[in-house]
PDB file of all heavy atoms in Angstrom:
ATOM      1  N   THR A   1      89.212 109.472  92.749  1.00  0.00           N
ATOM      2  CA  THR A   1      89.545 109.680  91.398  1.00  0.00           C
ATOM      3  C   THR A   1      90.984 109.769  91.161  1.00  0.00           C
ATOM      4  O   THR A   1      91.574 109.153  90.286  1.00  0.00           O
ATOM      5  CB  THR A   1      88.830 110.940  90.879  1.00  0.00           C
ATOM      6  OG1 THR A   1      87.403 110.848  90.996  1.00  0.00           O
ATOM      7  CG2 THR A   1      89.143 111.162  89.413  1.00  0.00           C
ATOM      8  N   ALA A   2      91.655 110.571  92.098  1.00  0.00           N
ATOM      9  CA  ALA A   2      93.104 110.687  91.957  1.00  0.00           C
ATOM     10  C   ALA A   2      93.784 109.294  92.136  1.00  0.00           C
ATOM     11  O   ALA A   2      94.728 108.995  91.363  1.00  0.00           O
ATOM     12  CB  ALA A   2      93.618 111.606  93.075  1.00  0.00           C
ATOM     13  N   THR A   3      93.364 108.480  93.040  1.00  0.00           N
ATOM     14  CA  THR A   3      93.949 107.103  93.218  1.00  0.00           C
ATOM     15  C   THR A   3      93.746 106.250  92.009  1.00  0.00           C
ATOM     16  O   THR A   3      94.609 105.482  91.624  1.00  0.00           O
ATOM     17  CB  THR A   3      93.440 106.371  94.445  1.00  0.00           C
ATOM     18  OG1 THR A   3      92.066 106.298  94.390  1.00  0.00           O
ATOM     19  CG2 THR A   3      93.830 107.205  95.785  1.00  0.00           C
ATOM     20  N   ASN A   4      92.551 106.344  91.411  1.00  0.00           N
ATOM     21  CA  ASN A   4      92.314 105.605  90.190  1.00  0.00           C
ATOM     22  C   ASN A   4      93.227 106.043  89.046  1.00  0.00           C
ATOM     23  O   ASN A   4      93.604 105.216  88.187  1.00  0.00           O
ATOM     24  CB  ASN A   4      90.779 105.777  89.770  1.00  0.00           C
ATOM     25  CG  ASN A   4      89.831 105.077  90.699  1.00  0.00           C
ATOM     26  OD1 ASN A   4      90.265 104.102  91.364  1.00  0.00           O
ATOM     27  ND2 ASN A   4      88.601 105.513  90.710  1.00  0.00           N
ATOM     28  N   ILE A   5      93.469 107.313  88.931  1.00  0.00           N
ATOM     29  CA  ILE A   5      94.329 107.827  87.917  1.00  0.00           C
ATOM     30  C   ILE A   5      95.724 107.281  88.084  1.00  0.00           C
ATOM     31  O   ILE A   5      96.444 107.005  87.082  1.00  0.00           O
ATOM     32  CB  ILE A   5      94.384 109.344  87.826  1.00  0.00           C
ATOM     33  CG1 ILE A   5      92.932 109.858  87.383  1.00  0.00           C
ATOM     34  CG2 ILE A   5      95.414 109.924  86.898  1.00  0.00           C
ATOM     35  CD1 ILE A   5      92.801 111.374  87.514  1.00  0.00           C
ATOM     36  N   VAL A   6      96.234 107.267  89.323  1.00  0.00           N
ATOM     37  CA  VAL A   6      97.580 106.790  89.638  1.00  0.00           C
ATOM     38  C   VAL A   6      97.689 105.298  89.210  1.00  0.00           C
ATOM     39  O   VAL A   6      98.796 104.917  88.643  1.00  0.00           O
ATOM     40  CB  VAL A   6      97.847 106.863  91.146  1.00  0.00           C
ATOM     41  CG1 VAL A   6      99.145 106.104  91.503  1.00  0.00           C
ATOM     42  CG2 VAL A   6      97.916 108.271  91.584  1.00  0.00           C
ATOM     43  N   ALA A   7      96.631 104.517  89.281  1.00  0.00           N
ATOM     44  CA  ALA A   7      96.750 103.103  88.821  1.00  0.00           C
ATOM     45  C   ALA A   7      96.747 102.953  87.348  1.00  0.00           C
ATOM     46  O   ALA A   7      97.001 101.911  86.760  1.00  0.00           O
ATOM     47  CB  ALA A   7      95.540 102.319  89.420  1.00  0.00           C
ATOM     48  N   GLY A   8      96.515 104.111  86.619  1.00  0.00           N
ATOM     49  CA  GLY A   8      96.540 104.165  85.180  1.00  0.00           C
ATOM     50  C   GLY A   8      95.756 103.125  84.487  1.00  0.00           C
ATOM     51  O   GLY A   8      94.613 102.823  84.920  1.00  0.00           O
ATOM     52  N   ASP A   9      96.263 102.562  83.385  1.00  0.00           N
ATOM     53  CA  ASP A   9      95.536 101.589  82.545  1.00  0.00           C
ATOM     54  C   ASP A   9      95.900 100.151  82.827  1.00  0.00           C
ATOM     55  O   ASP A   9      95.741  99.275  81.951  1.00  0.00           O
ATOM     56  CB  ASP A   9      95.684 101.869  81.086  1.00  0.00           C
ATOM     57  CG  ASP A   9      97.143 101.876  80.649  1.00  0.00           C
ATOM     58  OD1 ASP A   9      98.050 101.755  81.529  1.00  0.00           O
ATOM     59  OD2 ASP A   9      97.372 101.998  79.424  1.00  0.00           O
ATOM     60  N   LEU A  10      96.372  99.862  84.069  1.00  0.00           N
ATOM     61  CA  LEU A  10      96.766  98.481  84.397  1.00  0.00           C
ATOM     62  C   LEU A  10      95.431  97.641  84.444  1.00  0.00           C
ATOM     63  O   LEU A  10      94.431  98.131  84.886  1.00  0.00           O
ATOM     64  CB  LEU A  10      97.384  98.488  85.795  1.00  0.00           C
ATOM     65  CG  LEU A  10      98.718  99.123  86.000  1.00  0.00           C
ATOM     66  CD1 LEU A  10      99.188  98.983  87.383  1.00  0.00           C
ATOM     67  CD2 LEU A  10      99.727  98.522  85.077  1.00  0.00           C
ATOM     68  N   SER A  11      95.635  96.427  83.900  1.00  0.00           N
ATOM     69  CA  SER A  11      94.489  95.498  84.046  1.00  0.00           C
ATOM     70  C   SER A  11      94.360  94.977  85.464  1.00  0.00           C
ATOM     71  O   SER A  11      95.254  95.266  86.260  1.00  0.00           O
ATOM     72  CB  SER A  11      94.747  94.256  83.142  1.00  0.00           C
ATOM     73  OG  SER A  11      95.818  93.479  83.685  1.00  0.00           O
ATOM     74  N   TYR A  12      93.243  94.355  85.802  1.00  0.00           N
ATOM     75  CA  TYR A  12      93.043  93.864  87.162  1.00  0.00           C
ATOM     76  C   TYR A  12      94.204  92.908  87.558  1.00  0.00           C
ATOM     77  O   TYR A  12      94.680  92.971  88.633  1.00  0.00           O
ATOM     78  CB  TYR A  12      91.715  93.135  87.296  1.00  0.00           C
ATOM     79  CG  TYR A  12      91.459  92.670  88.654  1.00  0.00           C
ATOM     80  CD1 TYR A  12      90.940  93.563  89.655  1.00  0.00           C
ATOM     81  CD2 TYR A  12      91.635  91.268  89.039  1.00  0.00           C
ATOM     82  CE1 TYR A  12      90.655  93.152  90.900  1.00  0.00           C
ATOM     83  CE2 TYR A  12      91.370  90.932  90.277  1.00  0.00           C
ATOM     84  CZ  TYR A  12      90.891  91.734  91.253  1.00  0.00           C
ATOM     85  OH  TYR A  12      90.595  91.258  92.511  1.00  0.00           O
ATOM     86  N   SER A  13      94.529  92.054  86.584  1.00  0.00           N
ATOM     87  CA  SER A  13      95.612  91.001  86.929  1.00  0.00           C
ATOM     88  C   SER A  13      96.973  91.797  87.182  1.00  0.00           C
ATOM     89  O   SER A  13      97.705  91.415  88.034  1.00  0.00           O
ATOM     90  CB  SER A  13      95.814  90.099  85.784  1.00  0.00           C
ATOM     91  OG  SER A  13      94.648  89.319  85.517  1.00  0.00           O
ATOM     92  N   GLU A  14      97.199  92.804  86.416  1.00  0.00           N
ATOM     93  CA  GLU A  14      98.440  93.624  86.600  1.00  0.00           C
ATOM     94  C   GLU A  14      98.482  94.307  87.891  1.00  0.00           C
ATOM     95  O   GLU A  14      99.527  94.393  88.598  1.00  0.00           O
ATOM     96  CB  GLU A  14      98.591  94.559  85.417  1.00  0.00           C
ATOM     97  CG  GLU A  14      98.951  93.954  84.121  1.00  0.00           C
ATOM     98  CD  GLU A  14      98.873  94.908  82.940  1.00  0.00           C
ATOM     99  OE1 GLU A  14      98.083  95.842  82.971  1.00  0.00           O
ATOM    100  OE2 GLU A  14      99.645  94.675  82.005  1.00  0.00           O
ATOM    101  N   LYS A  15      97.265  94.809  88.360  1.00  0.00           N
ATOM    102  CA  LYS A  15      97.156  95.461  89.586  1.00  0.00           C
ATOM    103  C   LYS A  15      97.541  94.457  90.741  1.00  0.00           C
ATOM    104  O   LYS A  15      98.256  94.794  91.776  1.00  0.00           O
ATOM    105  CB  LYS A  15      95.785  96.078  89.821  1.00  0.00           C
ATOM    106  CG  LYS A  15      95.532  97.265  88.985  1.00  0.00           C
ATOM    107  CD  LYS A  15      94.055  97.749  89.117  1.00  0.00           C
ATOM    108  CE  LYS A  15      93.764  98.875  88.087  1.00  0.00           C
ATOM    109  NZ  LYS A  15      92.278  99.229  88.101  1.00  0.00           N
ATOM    110  N   MET A  16      96.944  93.278  90.679  1.00  0.00           N
ATOM    111  CA  MET A  16      97.175  92.282  91.669  1.00  0.00           C
ATOM    112  C   MET A  16      98.601  91.862  91.790  1.00  0.00           C
ATOM    113  O   MET A  16      99.158  91.743  92.794  1.00  0.00           O
ATOM    114  CB  MET A  16      96.333  91.033  91.372  1.00  0.00           C
ATOM    115  CG  MET A  16      94.747  91.269  91.448  1.00  0.00           C
ATOM    116  SD  MET A  16      94.304  91.895  93.034  1.00  0.00           S
ATOM    117  CE  MET A  16      94.010  93.646  92.619  1.00  0.00           C
ATOM    118  N   GLN A  17      99.213  91.805  90.593  1.00  0.00           N
ATOM    119  CA  GLN A  17     100.677  91.398  90.484  1.00  0.00           C
ATOM    120  C   GLN A  17     101.532  92.530  91.156  1.00  0.00           C
ATOM    121  O   GLN A  17     102.412  92.379  91.971  1.00  0.00           O
ATOM    122  CB  GLN A  17     101.180  91.128  89.152  1.00  0.00           C
ATOM    123  CG  GLN A  17     102.611  90.669  89.080  1.00  0.00           C
ATOM    124  CD  GLN A  17     103.089  90.458  87.636  1.00  0.00           C
ATOM    125  OE1 GLN A  17     102.582  91.016  86.720  1.00  0.00           O
ATOM    126  NE2 GLN A  17     103.983  89.499  87.436  1.00  0.00           N
ATOM    127  N   LEU A  18     101.169  93.835  90.825  1.00  0.00           N
ATOM    128  CA  LEU A  18     101.850  94.950  91.351  1.00  0.00           C
ATOM    129  C   LEU A  18     101.768  95.027  92.834  1.00  0.00           C
ATOM    130  O   LEU A  18     102.607  95.295  93.655  1.00  0.00           O
ATOM    131  CB  LEU A  18     101.424  96.237  90.687  1.00  0.00           C
ATOM    132  CG  LEU A  18     102.137  97.526  91.193  1.00  0.00           C
ATOM    133  CD1 LEU A  18     103.596  97.463  90.898  1.00  0.00           C
ATOM    134  CD2 LEU A  18     101.522  98.782  90.426  1.00  0.00           C
ATOM    135  N   ILE A  19     100.496  94.806  93.410  1.00  0.00           N
ATOM    136  CA  ILE A  19     100.236  94.786  94.868  1.00  0.00           C
ATOM    137  C   ILE A  19     101.199  93.812  95.533  1.00  0.00           C
ATOM    138  O   ILE A  19     101.770  94.111  96.552  1.00  0.00           O
ATOM    139  CB  ILE A  19      98.766  94.545  95.132  1.00  0.00           C
ATOM    140  CG1 ILE A  19      97.946  95.742  94.796  1.00  0.00           C
ATOM    141  CG2 ILE A  19      98.606  94.239  96.679  1.00  0.00           C
ATOM    142  CD1 ILE A  19      96.404  95.551  94.876  1.00  0.00           C
ATOM    143  N   ARG A  20     101.304  92.649  94.959  1.00  0.00           N
ATOM    144  CA  ARG A  20     102.089  91.590  95.624  1.00  0.00           C
ATOM    145  C   ARG A  20     103.637  91.952  95.595  1.00  0.00           C
ATOM    146  O   ARG A  20     104.255  91.832  96.611  1.00  0.00           O
ATOM    147  CB  ARG A  20     101.995  90.305  94.717  1.00  0.00           C
ATOM    148  CG  ARG A  20     100.579  89.612  94.863  1.00  0.00           C
ATOM    149  CD  ARG A  20     100.605  88.203  94.179  1.00  0.00           C
ATOM    150  NE  ARG A  20      99.243  87.766  94.113  1.00  0.00           N
ATOM    151  CZ  ARG A  20      98.456  87.788  92.973  1.00  0.00           C
ATOM    152  NH1 ARG A  20      98.953  88.339  91.853  1.00  0.00           N
ATOM    153  NH2 ARG A  20      97.237  87.282  92.971  1.00  0.00           N
ATOM    154  N   ILE A  21     104.040  92.604  94.515  1.00  0.00           N
ATOM    155  CA  ILE A  21     105.437  93.024  94.497  1.00  0.00           C
ATOM    156  C   ILE A  21     105.763  94.180  95.452  1.00  0.00           C
ATOM    157  O   ILE A  21     106.705  94.182  96.180  1.00  0.00           O
ATOM    158  CB  ILE A  21     105.830  93.464  93.034  1.00  0.00           C
ATOM    159  CG1 ILE A  21     105.790  92.202  92.094  1.00  0.00           C
ATOM    160  CG2 ILE A  21     107.223  94.088  93.020  1.00  0.00           C
ATOM    161  CD1 ILE A  21     105.988  92.597  90.639  1.00  0.00           C
ATOM    162  N   LEU A  22     104.839  95.142  95.449  1.00  0.00           N
ATOM    163  CA  LEU A  22     105.016  96.316  96.306  1.00  0.00           C
ATOM    164  C   LEU A  22     104.867  95.867  97.750  1.00  0.00           C
ATOM    165  O   LEU A  22     105.575  96.408  98.718  1.00  0.00           O
ATOM    166  CB  LEU A  22     103.929  97.387  96.004  1.00  0.00           C
ATOM    167  CG  LEU A  22     104.167  98.069  94.641  1.00  0.00           C
ATOM    168  CD1 LEU A  22     102.980  99.070  94.436  1.00  0.00           C
ATOM    169  CD2 LEU A  22     105.475  98.839  94.610  1.00  0.00           C
ATOM    170  N   ASP A  23     103.933  94.939  98.083  1.00  0.00           N
ATOM    171  CA  ASP A  23     103.811  94.381  99.446  1.00  0.00           C
ATOM    172  C   ASP A  23     105.105  93.741  99.937  1.00  0.00           C
ATOM    173  O   ASP A  23     105.553  93.896 101.059  1.00  0.00           O
ATOM    174  CB  ASP A  23     102.710  93.443  99.554  1.00  0.00           C
ATOM    175  CG  ASP A  23     102.410  92.971 100.914  1.00  0.00           C
ATOM    176  OD1 ASP A  23     102.090  93.786 101.848  1.00  0.00           O
ATOM    177  OD2 ASP A  23     102.530  91.733 101.207  1.00  0.00           O
ATOM    178  N   LYS A  24     105.734  93.007  99.013  1.00  0.00           N
ATOM    179  CA  LYS A  24     107.029  92.405  99.349  1.00  0.00           C
ATOM    180  C   LYS A  24     108.078  93.450  99.659  1.00  0.00           C
ATOM    181  O   LYS A  24     108.811  93.277 100.641  1.00  0.00           O
ATOM    182  CB  LYS A  24     107.488  91.431  98.155  1.00  0.00           C
ATOM    183  CG  LYS A  24     108.755  90.709  98.545  1.00  0.00           C
ATOM    184  CD  LYS A  24     109.083  89.691  97.301  1.00  0.00           C
ATOM    185  CE  LYS A  24     110.373  88.926  97.659  1.00  0.00           C
ATOM    186  NZ  LYS A  24     110.701  87.955  96.638  1.00  0.00           N
ATOM    187  N   LEU A  25     108.168  94.454  98.873  1.00  0.00           N
ATOM    188  CA  LEU A  25     109.110  95.514  99.047  1.00  0.00           C
ATOM    189  C   LEU A  25     108.790  96.246 100.426  1.00  0.00           C
ATOM    190  O   LEU A  25     109.707  96.538 101.229  1.00  0.00           O
ATOM    191  CB  LEU A  25     109.061  96.530  97.980  1.00  0.00           C
ATOM    192  CG  LEU A  25     109.888  96.204  96.737  1.00  0.00           C
ATOM    193  CD1 LEU A  25     109.702  97.292  95.718  1.00  0.00           C
ATOM    194  CD2 LEU A  25     111.390  96.179  97.065  1.00  0.00           C
ATOM    195  N   GLU A  26     107.458  96.502 100.679  1.00  0.00           N
ATOM    196  CA  GLU A  26     107.064  97.169 101.889  1.00  0.00           C
ATOM    197  C   GLU A  26     107.464  96.268 103.198  1.00  0.00           C
ATOM    198  O   GLU A  26     108.038  96.875 104.142  1.00  0.00           O
ATOM    199  CB  GLU A  26     105.557  97.277 101.914  1.00  0.00           C
ATOM    200  CG  GLU A  26     104.979  98.044 103.100  1.00  0.00           C
ATOM    201  CD  GLU A  26     104.879  99.520 102.846  1.00  0.00           C
ATOM    202  OE1 GLU A  26     104.842  99.934 101.751  1.00  0.00           O
ATOM    203  OE2 GLU A  26     104.832 100.263 103.888  1.00  0.00           O
ATOM    204  N   LYS A  27     107.298  94.985 103.034  1.00  0.00           N
ATOM    205  CA  LYS A  27     107.693  94.135 104.166  1.00  0.00           C
ATOM    206  C   LYS A  27     109.174  94.084 104.362  1.00  0.00           C
ATOM    207  O   LYS A  27     109.689  93.753 105.479  1.00  0.00           O
ATOM    208  CB  LYS A  27     107.180  92.791 103.976  1.00  0.00           C
ATOM    209  CG  LYS A  27     105.570  92.745 104.211  1.00  0.00           C
ATOM    210  CD  LYS A  27     105.059  91.299 103.852  1.00  0.00           C
ATOM    211  CE  LYS A  27     103.530  91.365 104.089  1.00  0.00           C
ATOM    212  NZ  LYS A  27     102.841  90.101 103.618  1.00  0.00           N
ATOM    213  N   PHE A  28     109.966  94.346 103.320  1.00  0.00           N
ATOM    214  CA  PHE A  28     111.445  94.398 103.488  1.00  0.00           C
ATOM    215  C   PHE A  28     111.862  95.689 104.160  1.00  0.00           C
ATOM    216  O   PHE A  28     112.679  95.684 105.044  1.00  0.00           O
ATOM    217  CB  PHE A  28     112.089  94.230 102.068  1.00  0.00           C
ATOM    218  CG  PHE A  28     113.578  94.470 102.104  1.00  0.00           C
ATOM    219  CD1 PHE A  28     114.417  93.500 102.494  1.00  0.00           C
ATOM    220  CD2 PHE A  28     114.104  95.745 101.811  1.00  0.00           C
ATOM    221  CE1 PHE A  28     115.734  93.778 102.581  1.00  0.00           C
ATOM    222  CE2 PHE A  28     115.494  95.977 101.798  1.00  0.00           C
ATOM    223  CZ  PHE A  28     116.322  95.008 102.213  1.00  0.00           C
ATOM    224  N   HIS A  29     111.281  96.828 103.698  1.00  0.00           N
ATOM    225  CA  HIS A  29     111.727  98.133 104.195  1.00  0.00           C
ATOM    226  C   HIS A  29     111.196  98.578 105.495  1.00  0.00           C
ATOM    227  O   HIS A  29     111.942  99.242 106.300  1.00  0.00           O
ATOM    228  CB  HIS A  29     111.462  99.146 103.082  1.00  0.00           C
ATOM    229  CG  HIS A  29     112.200  99.033 101.838  1.00  0.00           C
ATOM    230  ND1 HIS A  29     113.597  99.284 101.830  1.00  0.00           N
ATOM    231  CD2 HIS A  29     111.843  98.683 100.604  1.00  0.00           C
ATOM    232  CE1 HIS A  29     114.059  99.076 100.593  1.00  0.00           C
ATOM    233  NE2 HIS A  29     113.003  98.776  99.809  1.00  0.00           N
ATOM    234  N   GLN A  30     109.999  98.180 105.881  1.00  0.00           N
ATOM    235  CA  GLN A  30     109.351  98.711 107.049  1.00  0.00           C
ATOM    236  C   GLN A  30     110.101  98.352 108.360  1.00  0.00           C
ATOM    237  O   GLN A  30     110.329  99.183 109.198  1.00  0.00           O
ATOM    238  CB  GLN A  30     107.930  98.199 107.180  1.00  0.00           C
ATOM    239  CG  GLN A  30     107.155  98.961 108.330  1.00  0.00           C
ATOM    240  CD  GLN A  30     105.658  98.512 108.305  1.00  0.00           C
ATOM    241  OE1 GLN A  30     105.338  97.327 108.262  1.00  0.00           O
ATOM    242  NE2 GLN A  30     104.813  99.540 108.373  1.00  0.00           N
ATOM    243  N   PRO A  31     110.610  97.092 108.525  1.00  0.00           N
ATOM    244  CA  PRO A  31     111.365  96.780 109.716  1.00  0.00           C
ATOM    245  C   PRO A  31     112.627  97.563 109.851  1.00  0.00           C
ATOM    246  O   PRO A  31     113.124  97.914 110.977  1.00  0.00           O
ATOM    247  CB  PRO A  31     111.634  95.268 109.578  1.00  0.00           C
ATOM    248  CG  PRO A  31     110.549  94.784 108.636  1.00  0.00           C
ATOM    249  CD  PRO A  31     110.324  95.902 107.628  1.00  0.00           C
ATOM    250  N   ILE A  32     113.196  97.859 108.680  1.00  0.00           N
ATOM    251  CA  ILE A  32     114.430  98.704 108.718  1.00  0.00           C
ATOM    252  C   ILE A  32     114.175 100.135 109.115  1.00  0.00           C
ATOM    253  O   ILE A  32     114.863 100.611 109.955  1.00  0.00           O
ATOM    254  CB  ILE A  32     115.083  98.713 107.310  1.00  0.00           C
ATOM    255  CG1 ILE A  32     115.519  97.308 106.846  1.00  0.00           C
ATOM    256  CG2 ILE A  32     116.231  99.738 107.208  1.00  0.00           C
ATOM    257  CD1 ILE A  32     115.987  97.212 105.419  1.00  0.00           C
ATOM    258  N   PHE A  33     113.079 100.676 108.621  1.00  0.00           N
ATOM    259  CA  PHE A  33     112.558 101.984 108.948  1.00  0.00           C
ATOM    260  C   PHE A  33     112.313 102.045 110.468  1.00  0.00           C
ATOM    261  O   PHE A  33     112.679 102.995 111.186  1.00  0.00           O
ATOM    262  CB  PHE A  33     111.430 102.436 108.196  1.00  0.00           C
ATOM    263  CG  PHE A  33     110.790 103.705 108.628  1.00  0.00           C
ATOM    264  CD1 PHE A  33     111.349 104.898 108.184  1.00  0.00           C
ATOM    265  CD2 PHE A  33     109.689 103.750 109.388  1.00  0.00           C
ATOM    266  CE1 PHE A  33     110.803 106.114 108.568  1.00  0.00           C
ATOM    267  CE2 PHE A  33     109.120 104.993 109.879  1.00  0.00           C
ATOM    268  CZ  PHE A  33     109.675 106.186 109.413  1.00  0.00           C
ATOM    269  N   ASN A  34     111.714 100.975 111.041  1.00  0.00           N
ATOM    270  CA  ASN A  34     111.254 101.014 112.448  1.00  0.00           C
ATOM    271  C   ASN A  34     112.446 100.926 113.415  1.00  0.00           C
ATOM    272  O   ASN A  34     112.252 101.230 114.522  1.00  0.00           O
ATOM    273  CB  ASN A  34     110.272  99.819 112.667  1.00  0.00           C
ATOM    274  CG  ASN A  34     108.932  99.947 112.087  1.00  0.00           C
ATOM    275  OD1 ASN A  34     108.568 101.120 111.707  1.00  0.00           O
ATOM    276  ND2 ASN A  34     108.197  98.970 111.774  1.00  0.00           N
ATOM    277  N   ARG A  35     113.576 100.576 112.873  1.00  0.00           N
ATOM    278  CA  ARG A  35     114.774 100.548 113.769  1.00  0.00           C
ATOM    279  C   ARG A  35     115.414 101.881 114.062  1.00  0.00           C
ATOM    280  O   ARG A  35     116.262 102.064 114.863  1.00  0.00           O
ATOM    281  CB  ARG A  35     115.777  99.648 113.067  1.00  0.00           C
ATOM    282  CG  ARG A  35     115.421  98.125 113.079  1.00  0.00           C
ATOM    283  CD  ARG A  35     116.355  97.310 112.117  1.00  0.00           C
ATOM    284  NE  ARG A  35     117.791  97.337 112.421  1.00  0.00           N
ATOM    285  CZ  ARG A  35     118.662  96.810 111.741  1.00  0.00           C
ATOM    286  NH1 ARG A  35     118.365  96.206 110.617  1.00  0.00           N
ATOM    287  NH2 ARG A  35     119.912  96.894 112.109  1.00  0.00           N
ATOM    288  N   ASN A  36     114.903 102.869 113.280  1.00  0.00           N
ATOM    289  CA  ASN A  36     115.406 104.299 113.546  1.00  0.00           C
ATOM    290  C   ASN A  36     116.946 104.328 113.512  1.00  0.00           C
ATOM    291  O   ASN A  36     117.514 105.026 114.361  1.00  0.00           O
ATOM    292  CB  ASN A  36     114.891 104.732 114.865  1.00  0.00           C
ATOM    293  CG  ASN A  36     113.346 104.883 114.944  1.00  0.00           C
ATOM    294  OD1 ASN A  36     112.755 105.398 113.941  1.00  0.00           O
ATOM    295  ND2 ASN A  36     112.792 104.464 116.008  1.00  0.00           N
ATOM    296  N   ILE A  37     117.528 103.737 112.544  1.00  0.00           N
ATOM    297  CA  ILE A  37     118.950 103.806 112.303  1.00  0.00           C
ATOM    298  C   ILE A  37     119.380 105.159 111.921  1.00  0.00           C
ATOM    299  O   ILE A  37     118.734 105.855 111.110  1.00  0.00           O
ATOM    300  CB  ILE A  37     119.439 102.819 111.292  1.00  0.00           C
ATOM    301  CG1 ILE A  37     119.016 101.344 111.771  1.00  0.00           C
ATOM    302  CG2 ILE A  37     120.928 102.887 111.083  1.00  0.00           C
ATOM    303  CD1 ILE A  37     119.225 100.343 110.628  1.00  0.00           C
ATOM    304  N   ASP A  38     120.485 105.724 112.517  1.00  0.00           N
ATOM    305  CA  ASP A  38     120.982 107.020 112.234  1.00  0.00           C
ATOM    306  C   ASP A  38     121.277 107.159 110.686  1.00  0.00           C
ATOM    307  O   ASP A  38     121.834 106.312 110.100  1.00  0.00           O
ATOM    308  CB  ASP A  38     122.216 107.329 112.932  1.00  0.00           C
ATOM    309  CG  ASP A  38     122.773 108.710 112.762  1.00  0.00           C
ATOM    310  OD1 ASP A  38     122.267 109.711 113.275  1.00  0.00           O
ATOM    311  OD2 ASP A  38     123.733 108.852 111.975  1.00  0.00           O
TER     312      ASP A  38
END
């Protein structure tokens, strides 16, 4: 229920678009995080 509330009133199409954008950001930041830079 909490996760459904977080997604708010986004339509299915908006959720899919948001997932694609967030996934792109995730793929950018994760390799940087894994390098354990000071």
